[in-house]
Amino acid sequence: MPGPKTNEREGTRAVLRNEGVSAYKVRPVLDLIRGQDIGLARDTLQLCERDAALLVGKLLMSAVANAENNDGIDPEELYVSACYADEGATAKRWRPRARGRATRIRKRSCHITVIVSRLPEERLSRLRARQAAEAGNRRARRVAGGRQGRRVRRDEQRPGTVPAPETATAVPVDETETPLTETPVTETPVTETPEATMAVEETITDTTAPDGDASPDSTSEATGADTDEAARDTAPDAAPDEEKDS
């Protein structure tokens, strides 16, 4: 026995008529959402890159709104039971070509229909179990995050502890570490030796002698030279006296 006809399927439908796009381009998009629940079908159409996905997405939301407002069905319990695209009117135009010929242009249109129905009890029970499991996982993650936050705040309030960051390893703190103390610096007295004192005095005398004045060393040298000359002058005079005495 054949199944129900397309226009006799049960459920809530939404129809888009005389859309200026070919049915050949819409049917691949409809194949993606056929038999899917509303949430998955909506996500699939949002990620689809075809231009017809925008039209089908708007039509799907219209069908869900009709089921919610007219039939009182929860949108979370709906799925796409049927969807199809029929060919509409085709507008014929002409394009001039070479040698006086003309080529026909076919501007096609289509009628798009989306039907949504309530999920069967078996699929509905599985969907509810999955939703309950996801809610439990979210609650567990939220509770774990709250406990970790309270632990961090308690560690911050405790003196002498450093809270461990979430994404980095904790750095241990040594509480018995001795504080750093500054070592006093003692100055050693410098003792002056006689040799160093004489060298300093000679350096000062050489550097402080005025221009044109003779230094003590040059004066002593001049005095020694005069004494030698006087001795040489008096030496010949003394020699004859000695000969006379002899």
Protein backbone atom coordinates (compact mmCIF):
# COMPACT_ATOMS: atom_id res chain seq x y z
CA MET A 1 0.00 0.00 0.00
CA PRO A 2 1.53 3.33 -0.99
CA GLY A 3 2.24 5.94 1.67
CA PRO A 4 0.32 9.16 2.11
CA LYS A 5 0.51 11.72 -0.61
CA THR A 6 2.76 14.70 -0.20
CA ASN A 7 -0.08 17.15 0.29
CA GLU A 8 -1.82 14.81 2.75
CA ARG A 9 0.99 14.40 5.27
CA GLU A 10 0.15 15.10 8.90
CA GLY A 11 1.76 17.98 10.69
CA THR A 12 2.04 21.73 10.58
CA ARG A 13 3.33 23.20 7.37
CA ALA A 14 4.62 26.40 5.86
CA VAL A 15 4.64 27.02 2.10
CA LEU A 16 6.65 29.50 0.05
CA ARG A 17 5.19 29.90 -3.45
CA ASN A 18 6.62 31.33 -6.67
CA GLU A 19 10.12 31.88 -5.31
CA GLY A 20 12.47 33.01 -8.05
CA VAL A 21 14.95 30.16 -7.70
CA SER A 22 15.14 26.78 -9.39
CA ALA A 23 13.87 23.73 -7.50
CA TYR A 24 17.08 22.00 -8.61
CA LYS A 25 19.04 24.37 -6.31
CA VAL A 26 16.70 24.07 -3.31
CA ARG A 27 16.40 20.27 -3.11
CA PRO A 28 20.00 19.62 -1.91
CA VAL A 29 19.38 22.00 1.02
CA LEU A 30 16.13 20.27 1.92
CA ASP A 31 17.89 16.91 1.94
CA LEU A 32 20.16 18.17 4.74
CA ILE A 33 17.35 18.83 7.23
CA ARG A 34 14.84 16.12 6.36
CA GLY A 35 14.10 13.98 9.46
CA GLN A 36 16.20 16.18 11.81
CA ASP A 37 14.93 17.78 15.01
CA ILE A 38 14.42 21.53 14.99
CA GLY A 39 17.59 22.47 16.85
CA LEU A 40 19.87 20.40 14.61
CA ALA A 41 18.10 21.55 11.46
CA ARG A 42 18.49 25.21 12.47
CA ASP A 43 22.21 24.79 13.13
CA THR A 44 22.69 22.94 9.84
CA LEU A 45 21.06 25.72 7.84
CA GLN A 46 23.10 28.41 9.60
CA LEU A 47 26.33 26.66 8.60
CA CYS A 48 25.24 25.86 5.05
CA GLU A 49 26.91 28.02 2.40
CA ARG A 50 24.20 27.75 -0.27
CA ASP A 51 21.99 30.76 -0.97
CA ALA A 52 18.84 28.64 -0.76
CA ALA A 53 19.65 27.86 2.92
CA LEU A 54 18.50 31.37 3.91
CA LEU A 55 15.07 30.84 2.30
CA VAL A 56 14.65 27.38 3.81
CA GLY A 57 15.68 28.65 7.26
CA LYS A 58 13.04 31.38 7.25
CA LEU A 59 10.42 28.89 6.07
CA LEU A 60 11.39 26.44 8.83
CA MET A 61 10.97 29.11 11.53
CA SER A 62 7.57 29.97 10.07
CA ALA A 63 6.48 26.33 10.30
CA VAL A 64 7.67 26.11 13.93
CA ALA A 65 5.76 29.29 14.81
CA ASN A 66 2.61 27.86 13.21
CA ALA A 67 2.92 24.66 15.24
CA GLU A 68 3.49 26.57 18.48
CA ASN A 69 0.75 29.18 18.07
CA ASN A 70 -1.91 27.21 16.16
CA ASP A 71 -1.43 23.65 17.45
CA GLY A 72 0.09 24.37 20.88
CA ILE A 73 3.11 22.07 20.42
CA ASP A 74 6.37 22.69 22.24
CA PRO A 75 9.02 23.75 19.68
CA GLU A 76 11.61 21.52 21.40
CA GLU A 77 9.47 18.45 20.57
CA LEU A 78 9.23 19.11 16.82
CA TYR A 79 11.16 17.67 13.91
CA VAL A 80 11.11 18.08 10.13
CA SER A 81 8.82 15.27 9.02
CA ALA A 82 8.72 16.28 5.34
CA CYS A 83 10.12 18.95 3.04
CA TYR A 84 10.07 19.24 -0.74
CA ALA A 85 10.34 21.72 -3.61
CA ASP A 86 8.01 21.71 -6.64
CA GLU A 87 8.58 23.48 -9.91
CA GLY A 88 6.61 26.67 -10.45
CA ALA A 89 5.98 28.83 -13.45
CA THR A 90 8.82 29.37 -15.90
CA ALA A 91 9.19 32.76 -17.58
CA LYS A 92 10.59 32.60 -21.13
CA ARG A 93 12.84 35.34 -22.43
CA TRP A 94 15.01 35.74 -25.53
CA ARG A 95 18.65 36.71 -25.90
CA PRO A 96 20.10 37.86 -29.23
CA ARG A 97 22.96 35.81 -30.65
CA ALA A 98 25.20 35.94 -33.72
CA ARG A 99 23.92 35.86 -37.35
CA GLY A 100 20.49 37.14 -36.42
CA ARG A 101 19.61 34.20 -34.19
CA ALA A 102 18.06 34.20 -30.71
CA THR A 103 18.50 31.95 -27.66
CA ARG A 104 15.76 31.14 -25.15
CA ILE A 105 16.22 32.11 -21.48
CA ARG A 106 14.20 30.19 -18.88
CA LYS A 107 13.59 32.02 -15.60
CA ARG A 108 12.42 29.24 -13.31
CA SER A 109 10.57 29.41 -9.99
CA CYS A 110 9.51 26.87 -7.37
CA HIS A 111 7.15 26.20 -4.46
CA ILE A 112 8.89 25.15 -1.22
CA THR A 113 7.02 23.28 1.53
CA VAL A 114 8.27 22.39 5.02
CA ILE A 115 6.20 20.19 7.37
CA VAL A 116 7.01 19.78 11.07
CA SER A 117 5.48 17.20 13.43
CA ARG A 118 5.82 16.09 17.03
CA LEU A 119 8.57 13.60 17.74
CA PRO A 120 7.61 9.97 18.40
CA GLU A 121 7.62 8.92 22.04
CA GLU A 122 10.79 6.84 21.62
CA ARG A 123 12.79 9.66 20.07
CA LEU A 124 11.26 12.12 22.51
CA SER A 125 12.40 10.06 25.51
CA ARG A 126 15.93 9.85 24.11
CA LEU A 127 15.96 13.59 23.49
CA ARG A 128 14.84 14.33 27.03
CA ALA A 129 17.45 11.95 28.46
CA ARG A 130 20.18 13.69 26.45
CA GLN A 131 19.00 17.12 27.55
CA ALA A 132 18.92 15.99 31.20
CA ALA A 133 22.49 14.63 30.90
CA GLU A 134 23.71 17.89 29.36
CA ALA A 135 22.02 19.89 32.12
CA GLY A 136 23.65 17.68 34.78
CA ASN A 137 27.06 18.17 33.18
CA ARG A 138 26.60 21.93 33.10
CA ARG A 139 25.53 21.95 36.74
CA ALA A 140 28.55 19.81 37.72
CA ARG A 141 30.93 22.17 35.93
CA ARG A 142 29.26 25.16 37.57
CA VAL A 143 29.52 23.60 41.04
CA ALA A 144 33.17 22.65 40.46
CA GLY A 145 33.96 26.19 39.36
CA GLY A 146 32.24 27.62 42.44
CA ARG A 147 34.18 25.33 44.76
CA GLN A 148 37.45 26.25 43.13
CA GLY A 149 36.60 29.94 43.40
CA ARG A 150 35.80 29.60 47.11
CA ARG A 151 39.05 27.70 47.67
CA VAL A 152 41.04 30.45 45.95
CA ARG A 153 39.34 33.15 48.01
CA ARG A 154 39.98 31.21 51.21
CA ASP A 155 43.66 30.85 50.32
CA GLU A 156 43.86 34.57 49.65
CA GLN A 157 42.41 35.38 53.05
CA ARG A 158 44.77 33.00 54.84
CA PRO A 159 48.04 34.80 55.76
CA GLY A 160 51.29 33.45 54.36
CA THR A 161 49.74 31.54 51.45
CA VAL A 162 49.81 32.22 47.74
CA PRO A 163 46.78 31.03 45.71
CA ALA A 164 47.66 28.80 42.77
CA PRO A 165 46.64 30.20 39.35
CA GLU A 166 44.23 28.15 37.25
CA THR A 167 46.46 27.78 34.18
CA ALA A 168 49.91 27.80 35.81
CA THR A 169 51.71 25.62 38.32
CA ALA A 170 51.78 26.74 41.92
CA VAL A 171 55.02 28.22 43.20
CA PRO A 172 55.89 26.89 46.70
CA VAL A 173 56.59 29.51 49.35
CA ASP A 174 59.30 28.79 51.92
CA GLU A 175 58.09 30.30 55.20
CA THR A 176 61.40 29.47 57.02
CA GLU A 177 63.53 31.54 54.69
CA THR A 178 65.76 33.94 56.60
CA PRO A 179 65.48 37.62 55.72
CA LEU A 180 68.36 39.29 53.97
CA THR A 181 70.58 41.45 56.23
CA GLU A 182 72.96 44.16 55.14
CA THR A 183 76.63 43.49 56.05
CA PRO A 184 78.33 46.62 57.53
CA VAL A 185 81.31 47.84 55.56
CA THR A 186 84.39 48.71 57.67
CA GLU A 187 86.93 51.22 56.41
CA THR A 188 90.61 50.29 56.90
CA PRO A 189 92.79 53.29 57.95
CA VAL A 190 95.60 54.13 55.58
CA THR A 191 99.06 54.48 57.21
CA GLU A 192 101.50 56.90 55.61
CA THR A 193 105.16 55.79 55.36
CA PRO A 194 108.11 58.23 55.34
CA GLU A 195 109.06 57.25 51.78
CA ALA A 196 105.53 58.00 50.55
CA THR A 197 105.53 61.34 52.40
CA MET A 198 108.87 62.37 50.83
CA ALA A 199 107.67 61.39 47.34
CA VAL A 200 104.51 63.45 47.79
CA GLU A 201 106.51 66.48 49.01
CA GLU A 202 108.89 66.27 46.04
CA THR A 203 105.92 66.07 43.65
CA ILE A 204 104.29 69.08 45.25
CA THR A 205 107.54 71.09 45.14
CA ASP A 206 108.09 70.32 41.43
CA THR A 207 104.55 71.23 40.47
CA THR A 208 104.31 74.40 42.62
CA ALA A 209 107.67 76.04 41.64
CA PRO A 210 107.00 79.42 39.88
CA ASP A 211 108.28 80.13 36.41
CA GLY A 212 111.73 81.83 36.35
CA ASP A 213 112.65 80.80 39.95
CA ALA A 214 115.24 78.15 40.56
CA SER A 215 114.26 75.10 42.47
CA PRO A 216 116.19 73.94 45.57
CA ASP A 217 117.92 71.22 43.57
CA SER A 218 119.15 73.63 40.93
CA THR A 219 120.34 76.05 43.69
CA SER A 220 122.39 73.34 45.43
CA GLU A 221 123.94 72.32 42.10
CA ALA A 222 124.96 75.95 41.39
CA THR A 223 126.46 76.29 44.89
CA GLY A 224 128.51 73.11 44.41
CA ALA A 225 129.87 74.38 41.07
CA ASP A 226 131.01 77.72 42.61
CA THR A 227 132.81 75.90 45.43
CA ASP A 228 134.77 73.75 42.92
CA GLU A 229 135.83 76.80 40.93
CA ALA A 230 137.08 78.61 44.10
CA ALA A 231 139.10 75.55 45.07
CA ARG A 232 140.74 75.45 41.65
CA ASP A 233 141.61 79.14 41.88
CA THR A 234 143.25 78.84 45.29
CA ALA A 235 145.18 75.65 44.48
CA PRO A 236 148.01 77.23 42.35
CA ASP A 237 148.66 79.89 44.96
CA ALA A 238 149.23 77.37 47.71
CA ALA A 239 151.70 75.30 45.71
CA PRO A 240 154.59 77.85 45.62
CA ASP A 241 154.33 78.44 49.36
CA GLU A 242 154.89 74.79 49.99
CA GLU A 243 158.00 74.76 47.75
CA LYS A 244 159.49 77.72 49.62
CA ASP A 245 159.03 76.04 52.97
CA SER A 246 160.75 72.96 51.70
